[in-house]
Amino acid sequence: MEYPVGHLIAVGGAEDKGTDLEQGIVQRNRLNFFELGILRSILSLVPGTDPKVEVITTASQIPDEVAENYKDAFKKLGCNNVGHLRIRNREDTNLPEYMDRLKNCDCIMFSGGNQLRLSSIFGGTRFLDVLRKRYQNENFSIGGTSAGAMAMSSTMIYEGRADLAHLKGEVKITTGLGLMQNVIIDTHFDKRGRFNRLAQAVAAQPGAIGIGLGEDTGIVVSEGYSIKAIGSGSVIIIDGQNIEFNNIADIKFGAPISVENIIVHIMSKNDVYNLETRKYEGSEVIVEDED
């Protein structure tokens, strides 16, 4: 098996730090951890001293404002070569200019919004084929926040109220962009109380590993299987491989689910988890310079 050469950076959202890029609330004077932490981590993975970043705002209903906010955020980190791929429909994915820019950039950043827009617009397109090939074969980084993170996996949650997520059928699942296999990503995990939502998704597909990302928090995925937590909050891993009793297939829609022996890990900054072995591998030691 050939592992991807590139990196994925999935981010859970950043509302608590004053900039809600995924919903398009632009508060330019309160840029904080998201820009100075998560985006810095993304840039550290991009080769060269003058990386070219392309922002895709397809998921957002106010794409221009969100794109400008990202440009401002990257600029604060010294990255001025940031473009906006304003893809609003499937026809846009075939525009020669956008295909050329995809082939020549160093990093793609998917904004948040509605993840179903990402899967329905990019699914089955040549644009997505090129994106996958670059990630597989080149030192190429793909970032995504909120909906942009959720769409990275082959299985994607697109709907499900947290207060009803313990009931069968309330969590809606479809096919994502397929950059990661056998995982299901959920975002805004702590603030919106989405444990039951992700647990039901895993109960329905126990072969997949659930990854819950808190706000101001994310993961860096290397070689397609090694994930490192970044940011200020928690990354929750839900593993259903050892589930014993699971009634989700037998109960009626709307009935509460029961699941026995689900495994949960809680990760914080620099902790590492191996998706292949399904093992927590401890914390990556980071040596910081003393002032």
C-alpha atoms as a PDB file:
ATOM      1  CA  MET A   1       0.000   0.000   0.000  1.00  0.00           C
ATOM      2  CA  GLU A   2       1.317   3.424  -0.962  1.00  0.00           C
ATOM      3  CA  TYR A   3       0.720   6.074   1.669  1.00  0.00           C
ATOM      4  CA  PRO A   4      -0.133   9.668   0.717  1.00  0.00           C
ATOM      5  CA  VAL A   5       2.833  11.998   0.477  1.00  0.00           C
ATOM      6  CA  GLY A   6       0.767  15.061   1.330  1.00  0.00           C
ATOM      7  CA  HIS A   7      -0.900  16.209   4.541  1.00  0.00           C
ATOM      8  CA  LEU A   8      -4.460  16.877   5.665  1.00  0.00           C
ATOM      9  CA  ILE A   9      -5.311  19.462   8.309  1.00  0.00           C
ATOM     10  CA  ALA A  10      -8.860  19.184   9.664  1.00  0.00           C
ATOM     11  CA  VAL A  11     -10.078  21.932  12.014  1.00  0.00           C
ATOM     12  CA  GLY A  12     -13.108  21.861  14.317  1.00  0.00           C
ATOM     13  CA  GLY A  13     -14.044  25.548  14.095  1.00  0.00           C
ATOM     14  CA  ALA A  14     -13.009  28.739  15.840  1.00  0.00           C
ATOM     15  CA  GLU A  15     -16.049  30.575  17.175  1.00  0.00           C
ATOM     16  CA  ASP A  16     -14.740  31.079  20.708  1.00  0.00           C
ATOM     17  CA  LYS A  17     -11.748  33.032  19.439  1.00  0.00           C
ATOM     18  CA  GLY A  18     -13.740  35.741  17.685  1.00  0.00           C
ATOM     19  CA  THR A  19     -13.580  34.674  14.043  1.00  0.00           C
ATOM     20  CA  ASP A  20     -16.274  32.376  12.711  1.00  0.00           C
ATOM     21  CA  LEU A  21     -14.874  31.751   9.237  1.00  0.00           C
ATOM     22  CA  GLU A  22     -17.151  28.817   8.590  1.00  0.00           C
ATOM     23  CA  GLN A  23     -20.321  30.862   9.169  1.00  0.00           C
ATOM     24  CA  GLY A  24     -18.903  34.012   7.632  1.00  0.00           C
ATOM     25  CA  ILE A  25     -19.039  36.291  10.674  1.00  0.00           C
ATOM     26  CA  VAL A  26     -16.146  38.629   9.949  1.00  0.00           C
ATOM     27  CA  GLN A  27     -14.583  40.183  13.057  1.00  0.00           C
ATOM     28  CA  ARG A  28     -11.234  41.297  11.712  1.00  0.00           C
ATOM     29  CA  ASN A  29      -9.905  42.942  14.850  1.00  0.00           C
ATOM     30  CA  ARG A  30     -10.227  39.850  17.039  1.00  0.00           C
ATOM     31  CA  LEU A  31      -8.111  37.351  15.100  1.00  0.00           C
ATOM     32  CA  ASN A  32      -6.585  34.971  17.626  1.00  0.00           C
ATOM     33  CA  PHE A  33      -5.734  31.312  17.956  1.00  0.00           C
ATOM     34  CA  PHE A  34      -7.259  30.119  14.697  1.00  0.00           C
ATOM     35  CA  GLU A  35      -5.101  32.411  12.585  1.00  0.00           C
ATOM     36  CA  LEU A  36      -1.969  32.374  14.720  1.00  0.00           C
ATOM     37  CA  GLY A  37      -2.111  28.699  15.660  1.00  0.00           C
ATOM     38  CA  ILE A  38      -3.979  26.449  13.259  1.00  0.00           C
ATOM     39  CA  LEU A  39      -3.109  28.388  10.104  1.00  0.00           C
ATOM     40  CA  ARG A  40       0.522  28.581  11.208  1.00  0.00           C
ATOM     41  CA  SER A  41       0.495  24.782  11.504  1.00  0.00           C
ATOM     42  CA  ILE A  42      -0.858  24.540   7.968  1.00  0.00           C
ATOM     43  CA  LEU A  43       1.819  26.839   6.567  1.00  0.00           C
ATOM     44  CA  SER A  44       4.560  24.895   8.362  1.00  0.00           C
ATOM     45  CA  LEU A  45       3.709  21.875   6.215  1.00  0.00           C
ATOM     46  CA  VAL A  46       3.837  23.776   2.917  1.00  0.00           C
ATOM     47  CA  PRO A  47       7.200  23.647   1.081  1.00  0.00           C
ATOM     48  CA  GLY A  48       9.115  26.786   0.149  1.00  0.00           C
ATOM     49  CA  THR A  49       9.331  30.280   1.562  1.00  0.00           C
ATOM     50  CA  ASP A  50       6.577  31.844  -0.556  1.00  0.00           C
ATOM     51  CA  PRO A  51       3.775  29.266  -0.649  1.00  0.00           C
ATOM     52  CA  LYS A  52       0.748  29.710  -2.861  1.00  0.00           C
ATOM     53  CA  VAL A  53      -2.524  29.017  -1.059  1.00  0.00           C
ATOM     54  CA  GLU A  54      -5.931  28.737  -2.717  1.00  0.00           C
ATOM     55  CA  VAL A  55      -9.061  29.145  -0.576  1.00  0.00           C
ATOM     56  CA  ILE A  56     -12.235  27.318  -1.643  1.00  0.00           C
ATOM     57  CA  THR A  57     -15.419  28.839  -0.201  1.00  0.00           C
ATOM     58  CA  THR A  58     -17.948  26.589  -1.943  1.00  0.00           C
ATOM     59  CA  ALA A  59     -19.575  25.578   1.352  1.00  0.00           C
ATOM     60  CA  SER A  60     -20.256  29.175   2.411  1.00  0.00           C
ATOM     61  CA  GLN A  61     -23.236  31.356   1.513  1.00  0.00           C
ATOM     62  CA  ILE A  62     -21.073  34.505   1.663  1.00  0.00           C
ATOM     63  CA  PRO A  63     -17.943  33.326  -0.174  1.00  0.00           C
ATOM     64  CA  ASP A  64     -16.319  36.688  -0.866  1.00  0.00           C
ATOM     65  CA  GLU A  65     -16.377  37.861   2.757  1.00  0.00           C
ATOM     66  CA  VAL A  66     -15.055  34.525   3.995  1.00  0.00           C
ATOM     67  CA  ALA A  67     -12.265  34.550   1.397  1.00  0.00           C
ATOM     68  CA  GLU A  68     -11.183  38.045   2.417  1.00  0.00           C
ATOM     69  CA  ASN A  69     -11.099  36.986   6.049  1.00  0.00           C
ATOM     70  CA  TYR A  70      -8.804  34.081   5.197  1.00  0.00           C
ATOM     71  CA  LYS A  71      -6.556  36.366   3.165  1.00  0.00           C
ATOM     72  CA  ASP A  72      -6.271  38.728   6.135  1.00  0.00           C
ATOM     73  CA  ALA A  73      -5.512  35.822   8.464  1.00  0.00           C
ATOM     74  CA  PHE A  74      -2.784  34.371   6.238  1.00  0.00           C
ATOM     75  CA  LYS A  75      -1.337  37.846   5.697  1.00  0.00           C
ATOM     76  CA  LYS A  76      -0.822  38.223   9.448  1.00  0.00           C
ATOM     77  CA  LEU A  77       1.418  35.164   9.209  1.00  0.00           C
ATOM     78  CA  GLY A  78       3.451  36.614   6.337  1.00  0.00           C
ATOM     79  CA  CYS A  79       1.672  34.644   3.592  1.00  0.00           C
ATOM     80  CA  ASN A  80       0.509  37.059   0.895  1.00  0.00           C
ATOM     81  CA  ASN A  81       0.151  34.671  -2.044  1.00  0.00           C
ATOM     82  CA  VAL A  82      -3.442  33.645  -1.333  1.00  0.00           C
ATOM     83  CA  GLY A  83      -6.076  33.208  -4.024  1.00  0.00           C
ATOM     84  CA  HIS A  84      -9.798  32.495  -4.006  1.00  0.00           C
ATOM     85  CA  LEU A  85     -11.300  29.677  -6.078  1.00  0.00           C
ATOM     86  CA  ARG A  86     -14.886  30.931  -6.202  1.00  0.00           C
ATOM     87  CA  ILE A  87     -16.521  27.631  -7.136  1.00  0.00           C
ATOM     88  CA  ARG A  88     -20.316  27.859  -6.761  1.00  0.00           C
ATOM     89  CA  ASN A  89     -21.516  24.964  -8.951  1.00  0.00           C
ATOM     90  CA  ARG A  90     -20.291  21.870 -10.786  1.00  0.00           C
ATOM     91  CA  GLU A  91     -19.658  23.821 -13.984  1.00  0.00           C
ATOM     92  CA  ASP A  92     -17.160  26.032 -12.165  1.00  0.00           C
ATOM     93  CA  THR A  93     -14.997  23.011 -11.321  1.00  0.00           C
ATOM     94  CA  ASN A  94     -14.175  22.635 -15.032  1.00  0.00           C
ATOM     95  CA  LEU A  95     -13.041  26.223 -15.600  1.00  0.00           C
ATOM     96  CA  PRO A  96      -9.531  26.055 -17.131  1.00  0.00           C
ATOM     97  CA  GLU A  97      -8.276  28.870 -14.868  1.00  0.00           C
ATOM     98  CA  TYR A  98      -9.343  27.046 -11.705  1.00  0.00           C
ATOM     99  CA  MET A  99      -7.888  23.734 -12.883  1.00  0.00           C
ATOM    100  CA  ASP A 100      -4.590  25.450 -13.648  1.00  0.00           C
ATOM    101  CA  ARG A 101      -4.494  27.136 -10.245  1.00  0.00           C
ATOM    102  CA  LEU A 102      -5.262  23.827  -8.530  1.00  0.00           C
ATOM    103  CA  LYS A 103      -2.328  22.210 -10.320  1.00  0.00           C
ATOM    104  CA  ASN A 104       0.097  24.997  -9.395  1.00  0.00           C
ATOM    105  CA  CYS A 105      -0.711  25.877  -5.783  1.00  0.00           C
ATOM    106  CA  ASP A 106       0.985  24.468  -2.667  1.00  0.00           C
ATOM    107  CA  CYS A 107      -2.069  24.272  -0.425  1.00  0.00           C
ATOM    108  CA  ILE A 108      -5.860  24.163  -0.676  1.00  0.00           C
ATOM    109  CA  MET A 109      -8.007  25.483   2.179  1.00  0.00           C
ATOM    110  CA  PHE A 110     -11.712  24.561   2.329  1.00  0.00           C
ATOM    111  CA  SER A 111     -13.836  26.979   4.352  1.00  0.00           C
ATOM    112  CA  GLY A 112     -16.818  25.945   6.412  1.00  0.00           C
ATOM    113  CA  GLY A 113     -20.531  26.263   5.769  1.00  0.00           C
ATOM    114  CA  ASN A 114     -22.627  23.402   4.391  1.00  0.00           C
ATOM    115  CA  GLN A 115     -20.647  20.198   3.805  1.00  0.00           C
ATOM    116  CA  LEU A 116     -23.358  18.813   1.513  1.00  0.00           C
ATOM    117  CA  ARG A 117     -22.488  21.574  -0.956  1.00  0.00           C
ATOM    118  CA  LEU A 118     -18.922  20.270  -1.055  1.00  0.00           C
ATOM    119  CA  SER A 119     -19.860  16.646  -1.693  1.00  0.00           C
ATOM    120  CA  SER A 120     -22.586  17.459  -4.240  1.00  0.00           C
ATOM    121  CA  ILE A 121     -20.514  19.971  -6.210  1.00  0.00           C
ATOM    122  CA  PHE A 122     -17.107  18.235  -6.206  1.00  0.00           C
ATOM    123  CA  GLY A 123     -18.161  14.584  -6.166  1.00  0.00           C
ATOM    124  CA  GLY A 124     -17.159  12.754  -9.374  1.00  0.00           C
ATOM    125  CA  THR A 125     -15.420  15.786 -10.916  1.00  0.00           C
ATOM    126  CA  ARG A 126     -12.015  15.991 -12.587  1.00  0.00           C
ATOM    127  CA  PHE A 127     -11.191  18.720 -10.080  1.00  0.00           C
ATOM    128  CA  LEU A 128     -11.557  16.245  -7.195  1.00  0.00           C
ATOM    129  CA  ASP A 129      -9.528  13.619  -9.091  1.00  0.00           C
ATOM    130  CA  VAL A 130      -6.629  16.066  -9.495  1.00  0.00           C
ATOM    131  CA  LEU A 131      -6.911  17.125  -5.850  1.00  0.00           C
ATOM    132  CA  ARG A 132      -6.707  13.506  -4.669  1.00  0.00           C
ATOM    133  CA  LYS A 133      -3.767  12.707  -6.953  1.00  0.00           C
ATOM    134  CA  ARG A 134      -1.790  15.707  -5.769  1.00  0.00           C
ATOM    135  CA  TYR A 135      -2.424  14.750  -2.134  1.00  0.00           C
ATOM    136  CA  GLN A 136      -1.438  11.152  -2.836  1.00  0.00           C
ATOM    137  CA  ASN A 137       1.729  11.833  -4.835  1.00  0.00           C
ATOM    138  CA  GLU A 138       3.088  15.260  -3.852  1.00  0.00           C
ATOM    139  CA  ASN A 139       4.080  17.275  -0.793  1.00  0.00           C
ATOM    140  CA  PHE A 140       0.733  19.008  -1.000  1.00  0.00           C
ATOM    141  CA  SER A 141      -1.437  20.160   1.908  1.00  0.00           C
ATOM    142  CA  ILE A 142      -5.233  20.285   2.128  1.00  0.00           C
ATOM    143  CA  GLY A 143      -6.836  22.126   5.029  1.00  0.00           C
ATOM    144  CA  GLY A 144     -10.472  22.369   6.002  1.00  0.00           C
ATOM    145  CA  THR A 145     -12.427  23.936   8.835  1.00  0.00           C
ATOM    146  CA  SER A 146     -15.861  22.859  10.095  1.00  0.00           C
ATOM    147  CA  ALA A 147     -17.730  21.666   6.969  1.00  0.00           C
ATOM    148  CA  GLY A 148     -14.421  21.631   5.104  1.00  0.00           C
ATOM    149  CA  ALA A 149     -13.068  19.185   7.675  1.00  0.00           C
ATOM    150  CA  MET A 150     -16.170  16.988   7.787  1.00  0.00           C
ATOM    151  CA  ALA A 151     -16.140  16.544   4.003  1.00  0.00           C
ATOM    152  CA  MET A 152     -12.608  15.103   3.969  1.00  0.00           C
ATOM    153  CA  SER A 153     -13.638  11.577   4.904  1.00  0.00           C
ATOM    154  CA  SER A 154     -15.246   8.924   2.711  1.00  0.00           C
ATOM    155  CA  THR A 155     -18.248   8.823   5.078  1.00  0.00           C
ATOM    156  CA  MET A 156     -19.677  12.232   5.988  1.00  0.00           C
ATOM    157  CA  ILE A 157     -22.299  13.396   8.484  1.00  0.00           C
ATOM    158  CA  TYR A 158     -24.426  16.052   6.851  1.00  0.00           C
ATOM    159  CA  GLU A 159     -27.267  16.464   9.349  1.00  0.00           C
ATOM    160  CA  GLY A 160     -28.286  15.507  12.873  1.00  0.00           C
ATOM    161  CA  ARG A 161     -29.549  17.489  15.873  1.00  0.00           C
ATOM    162  CA  ALA A 162     -27.449  16.866  18.976  1.00  0.00           C
ATOM    163  CA  ASP A 163     -30.499  16.586  21.251  1.00  0.00           C
ATOM    164  CA  LEU A 164     -31.989  13.802  19.109  1.00  0.00           C
ATOM    165  CA  ALA A 165     -28.794  12.015  18.113  1.00  0.00           C
ATOM    166  CA  HIS A 166     -29.462   9.074  20.461  1.00  0.00           C
ATOM    167  CA  LEU A 167     -32.446   8.118  18.295  1.00  0.00           C
ATOM    168  CA  LYS A 168     -32.022   5.851  15.284  1.00  0.00           C
ATOM    169  CA  GLY A 169     -32.242   7.679  11.973  1.00  0.00           C
ATOM    170  CA  GLU A 170     -31.651  11.179  13.317  1.00  0.00           C
ATOM    171  CA  VAL A 171     -28.032  11.225  12.110  1.00  0.00           C
ATOM    172  CA  LYS A 172     -27.815  11.564   8.335  1.00  0.00           C
ATOM    173  CA  ILE A 173     -24.786  10.165   6.523  1.00  0.00           C
ATOM    174  CA  THR A 174     -23.596  10.380   2.916  1.00  0.00           C
ATOM    175  CA  THR A 175     -20.378  10.108   0.906  1.00  0.00           C
ATOM    176  CA  GLY A 176     -17.701  12.762   1.431  1.00  0.00           C
ATOM    177  CA  LEU A 177     -14.700  13.749  -0.695  1.00  0.00           C
ATOM    178  CA  GLY A 178     -12.856  10.537   0.139  1.00  0.00           C
ATOM    179  CA  LEU A 179      -9.497  12.020   1.123  1.00  0.00           C
ATOM    180  CA  MET A 180      -9.509   9.791   4.223  1.00  0.00           C
ATOM    181  CA  GLN A 181     -10.875   6.254   4.309  1.00  0.00           C
ATOM    182  CA  ASN A 182     -12.652   4.503   7.181  1.00  0.00           C
ATOM    183  CA  VAL A 183     -13.069   7.605   9.338  1.00  0.00           C
ATOM    184  CA  ILE A 184     -15.990   9.909  10.150  1.00  0.00           C
ATOM    185  CA  ILE A 185     -15.193  13.484  11.217  1.00  0.00           C
ATOM    186  CA  ASP A 186     -17.470  15.733  13.272  1.00  0.00           C
ATOM    187  CA  THR A 187     -16.719  19.335  14.257  1.00  0.00           C
ATOM    188  CA  HIS A 188     -17.722  21.927  16.883  1.00  0.00           C
ATOM    189  CA  PHE A 189     -17.712  18.766  18.956  1.00  0.00           C
ATOM    190  CA  ASP A 190     -17.629  20.089  22.509  1.00  0.00           C
ATOM    191  CA  LYS A 191     -19.615  23.283  22.139  1.00  0.00           C
ATOM    192  CA  ARG A 192     -22.503  21.681  20.253  1.00  0.00           C
ATOM    193  CA  GLY A 193     -22.590  18.436  22.249  1.00  0.00           C
ATOM    194  CA  ARG A 194     -22.108  16.076  19.339  1.00  0.00           C
ATOM    195  CA  PHE A 195     -20.824  12.939  21.082  1.00  0.00           C
ATOM    196  CA  ASN A 196     -24.049  10.972  20.518  1.00  0.00           C
ATOM    197  CA  ARG A 197     -24.147  12.104  16.913  1.00  0.00           C
ATOM    198  CA  LEU A 198     -20.697  10.715  16.152  1.00  0.00           C
ATOM    199  CA  ALA A 199     -21.316   7.616  18.284  1.00  0.00           C
ATOM    200  CA  GLN A 200     -24.438   6.757  16.247  1.00  0.00           C
ATOM    201  CA  ALA A 201     -22.492   7.198  13.004  1.00  0.00           C
ATOM    202  CA  VAL A 202     -19.808   4.812  14.281  1.00  0.00           C
ATOM    203  CA  ALA A 203     -22.415   2.337  15.551  1.00  0.00           C
ATOM    204  CA  ALA A 204     -23.852   2.224  12.038  1.00  0.00           C
ATOM    205  CA  GLN A 205     -20.368   1.676  10.575  1.00  0.00           C
ATOM    206  CA  PRO A 206     -18.159   0.113  13.286  1.00  0.00           C
ATOM    207  CA  GLY A 207     -15.280  -0.324  10.853  1.00  0.00           C
ATOM    208  CA  ALA A 208     -14.892   3.451  10.739  1.00  0.00           C
ATOM    209  CA  ILE A 209     -13.145   5.505  13.410  1.00  0.00           C
ATOM    210  CA  GLY A 210     -14.966   8.622  14.611  1.00  0.00           C
ATOM    211  CA  ILE A 211     -12.933  11.805  15.064  1.00  0.00           C
ATOM    212  CA  GLY A 212     -14.571  14.628  17.026  1.00  0.00           C
ATOM    213  CA  LEU A 213     -12.869  18.008  16.765  1.00  0.00           C
ATOM    214  CA  GLY A 214     -13.446  20.752  19.301  1.00  0.00           C
ATOM    215  CA  GLU A 215     -13.285  24.412  18.349  1.00  0.00           C
ATOM    216  CA  ASP A 216      -9.820  25.965  18.066  1.00  0.00           C
ATOM    217  CA  THR A 217      -8.662  22.375  17.637  1.00  0.00           C
ATOM    218  CA  GLY A 218      -7.663  20.159  14.763  1.00  0.00           C
ATOM    219  CA  ILE A 219      -5.576  17.263  13.521  1.00  0.00           C
ATOM    220  CA  VAL A 220      -2.657  16.951  11.141  1.00  0.00           C
ATOM    221  CA  VAL A 221      -2.832  13.718   9.148  1.00  0.00           C
ATOM    222  CA  SER A 222       0.481  12.342   7.866  1.00  0.00           C
ATOM    223  CA  GLU A 223       0.855   9.367   5.517  1.00  0.00           C
ATOM    224  CA  GLY A 224      -2.899   8.909   5.661  1.00  0.00           C
ATOM    225  CA  TYR A 225      -2.894   7.170   9.043  1.00  0.00           C
ATOM    226  CA  SER A 226      -0.943   9.120  11.680  1.00  0.00           C
ATOM    227  CA  ILE A 227      -2.968  11.915  13.260  1.00  0.00           C
ATOM    228  CA  LYS A 228      -1.554  14.544  15.599  1.00  0.00           C
ATOM    229  CA  ALA A 229      -3.773  16.837  17.657  1.00  0.00           C
ATOM    230  CA  ILE A 230      -3.159  20.577  17.344  1.00  0.00           C
ATOM    231  CA  GLY A 231      -4.830  23.562  18.948  1.00  0.00           C
ATOM    232  CA  SER A 232      -6.182  24.454  22.359  1.00  0.00           C
ATOM    233  CA  GLY A 233      -8.990  21.921  22.844  1.00  0.00           C
ATOM    234  CA  SER A 234      -9.698  18.193  22.675  1.00  0.00           C
ATOM    235  CA  VAL A 235      -9.800  15.656  19.882  1.00  0.00           C
ATOM    236  CA  ILE A 236     -12.123  12.732  20.642  1.00  0.00           C
ATOM    237  CA  ILE A 237     -11.540   9.334  19.043  1.00  0.00           C
ATOM    238  CA  ILE A 238     -14.480   6.887  18.951  1.00  0.00           C
ATOM    239  CA  ASP A 239     -13.539   3.327  17.965  1.00  0.00           C
ATOM    240  CA  GLY A 240     -16.331   0.828  17.323  1.00  0.00           C
ATOM    241  CA  GLN A 241     -14.218  -2.151  16.276  1.00  0.00           C
ATOM    242  CA  ASN A 242     -14.777  -3.982  19.589  1.00  0.00           C
ATOM    243  CA  ILE A 243     -18.498  -3.262  19.880  1.00  0.00           C
ATOM    244  CA  GLU A 244     -20.299  -6.291  21.290  1.00  0.00           C
ATOM    245  CA  PHE A 245     -24.014  -5.486  21.595  1.00  0.00           C
ATOM    246  CA  ASN A 246     -25.413  -3.043  19.041  1.00  0.00           C
ATOM    247  CA  ASN A 247     -29.165  -2.758  18.408  1.00  0.00           C
ATOM    248  CA  ILE A 248     -29.120  -0.142  15.652  1.00  0.00           C
ATOM    249  CA  ALA A 249     -30.027  -2.604  12.889  1.00  0.00           C
ATOM    250  CA  ASP A 250     -32.998  -4.089  14.733  1.00  0.00           C
ATOM    251  CA  ILE A 251     -34.882  -1.189  16.289  1.00  0.00           C
ATOM    252  CA  LYS A 252     -37.427   1.091  14.647  1.00  0.00           C
ATOM    253  CA  PHE A 253     -36.544   4.551  13.401  1.00  0.00           C
ATOM    254  CA  GLY A 254     -36.918   7.019  16.255  1.00  0.00           C
ATOM    255  CA  ALA A 255     -36.095   4.463  18.971  1.00  0.00           C
ATOM    256  CA  PRO A 256     -33.025   5.030  21.207  1.00  0.00           C
ATOM    257  CA  ILE A 257     -29.910   3.084  20.271  1.00  0.00           C
ATOM    258  CA  SER A 258     -27.874   0.861  22.613  1.00  0.00           C
ATOM    259  CA  VAL A 259     -24.184   0.186  22.044  1.00  0.00           C
ATOM    260  CA  GLU A 260     -21.853  -1.870  24.261  1.00  0.00           C
ATOM    261  CA  ASN A 261     -18.075  -1.610  24.542  1.00  0.00           C
ATOM    262  CA  ILE A 262     -17.367   1.430  22.420  1.00  0.00           C
ATOM    263  CA  ILE A 263     -13.820   2.741  22.938  1.00  0.00           C
ATOM    264  CA  VAL A 264     -13.131   6.447  23.480  1.00  0.00           C
ATOM    265  CA  HIS A 265      -9.796   8.289  23.545  1.00  0.00           C
ATOM    266  CA  ILE A 266      -9.296  11.943  24.465  1.00  0.00           C
ATOM    267  CA  MET A 267      -6.352  13.703  22.835  1.00  0.00           C
ATOM    268  CA  SER A 268      -4.830  17.118  23.426  1.00  0.00           C
ATOM    269  CA  LYS A 269      -2.135  19.124  21.663  1.00  0.00           C
ATOM    270  CA  ASN A 270       0.707  16.998  20.190  1.00  0.00           C
ATOM    271  CA  ASP A 271      -0.912  13.660  21.091  1.00  0.00           C
ATOM    272  CA  VAL A 272      -0.643  11.105  18.278  1.00  0.00           C
ATOM    273  CA  TYR A 273      -3.046   8.334  17.225  1.00  0.00           C
ATOM    274  CA  ASN A 274      -2.459   5.613  14.626  1.00  0.00           C
ATOM    275  CA  LEU A 275      -5.512   4.922  12.471  1.00  0.00           C
ATOM    276  CA  GLU A 276      -4.037   1.680  11.143  1.00  0.00           C
ATOM    277  CA  THR A 277      -3.293   0.052  14.484  1.00  0.00           C
ATOM    278  CA  ARG A 278      -6.122   1.911  16.268  1.00  0.00           C
ATOM    279  CA  LYS A 279      -3.670   2.754  19.023  1.00  0.00           C
ATOM    280  CA  TYR A 280      -2.929   5.921  20.971  1.00  0.00           C
ATOM    281  CA  GLU A 281       0.816   6.502  20.570  1.00  0.00           C
ATOM    282  CA  GLY A 282       1.412   9.140  23.220  1.00  0.00           C
ATOM    283  CA  SER A 283       2.503  12.723  22.864  1.00  0.00           C
ATOM    284  CA  GLU A 284       4.979  14.055  20.349  1.00  0.00           C
ATOM    285  CA  VAL A 285       7.730  15.835  22.252  1.00  0.00           C
ATOM    286  CA  ILE A 286       8.091  19.460  21.156  1.00  0.00           C
ATOM    287  CA  VAL A 287      11.184  21.334  22.275  1.00  0.00           C
ATOM    288  CA  GLU A 288      10.450  25.041  22.527  1.00  0.00           C
ATOM    289  CA  ASP A 289      13.139  27.693  22.495  1.00  0.00           C
ATOM    290  CA  GLU A 290      13.571  29.617  25.712  1.00  0.00           C
ATOM    291  CA  ASP A 291      13.437  33.397  25.514  1.00  0.00           C
END
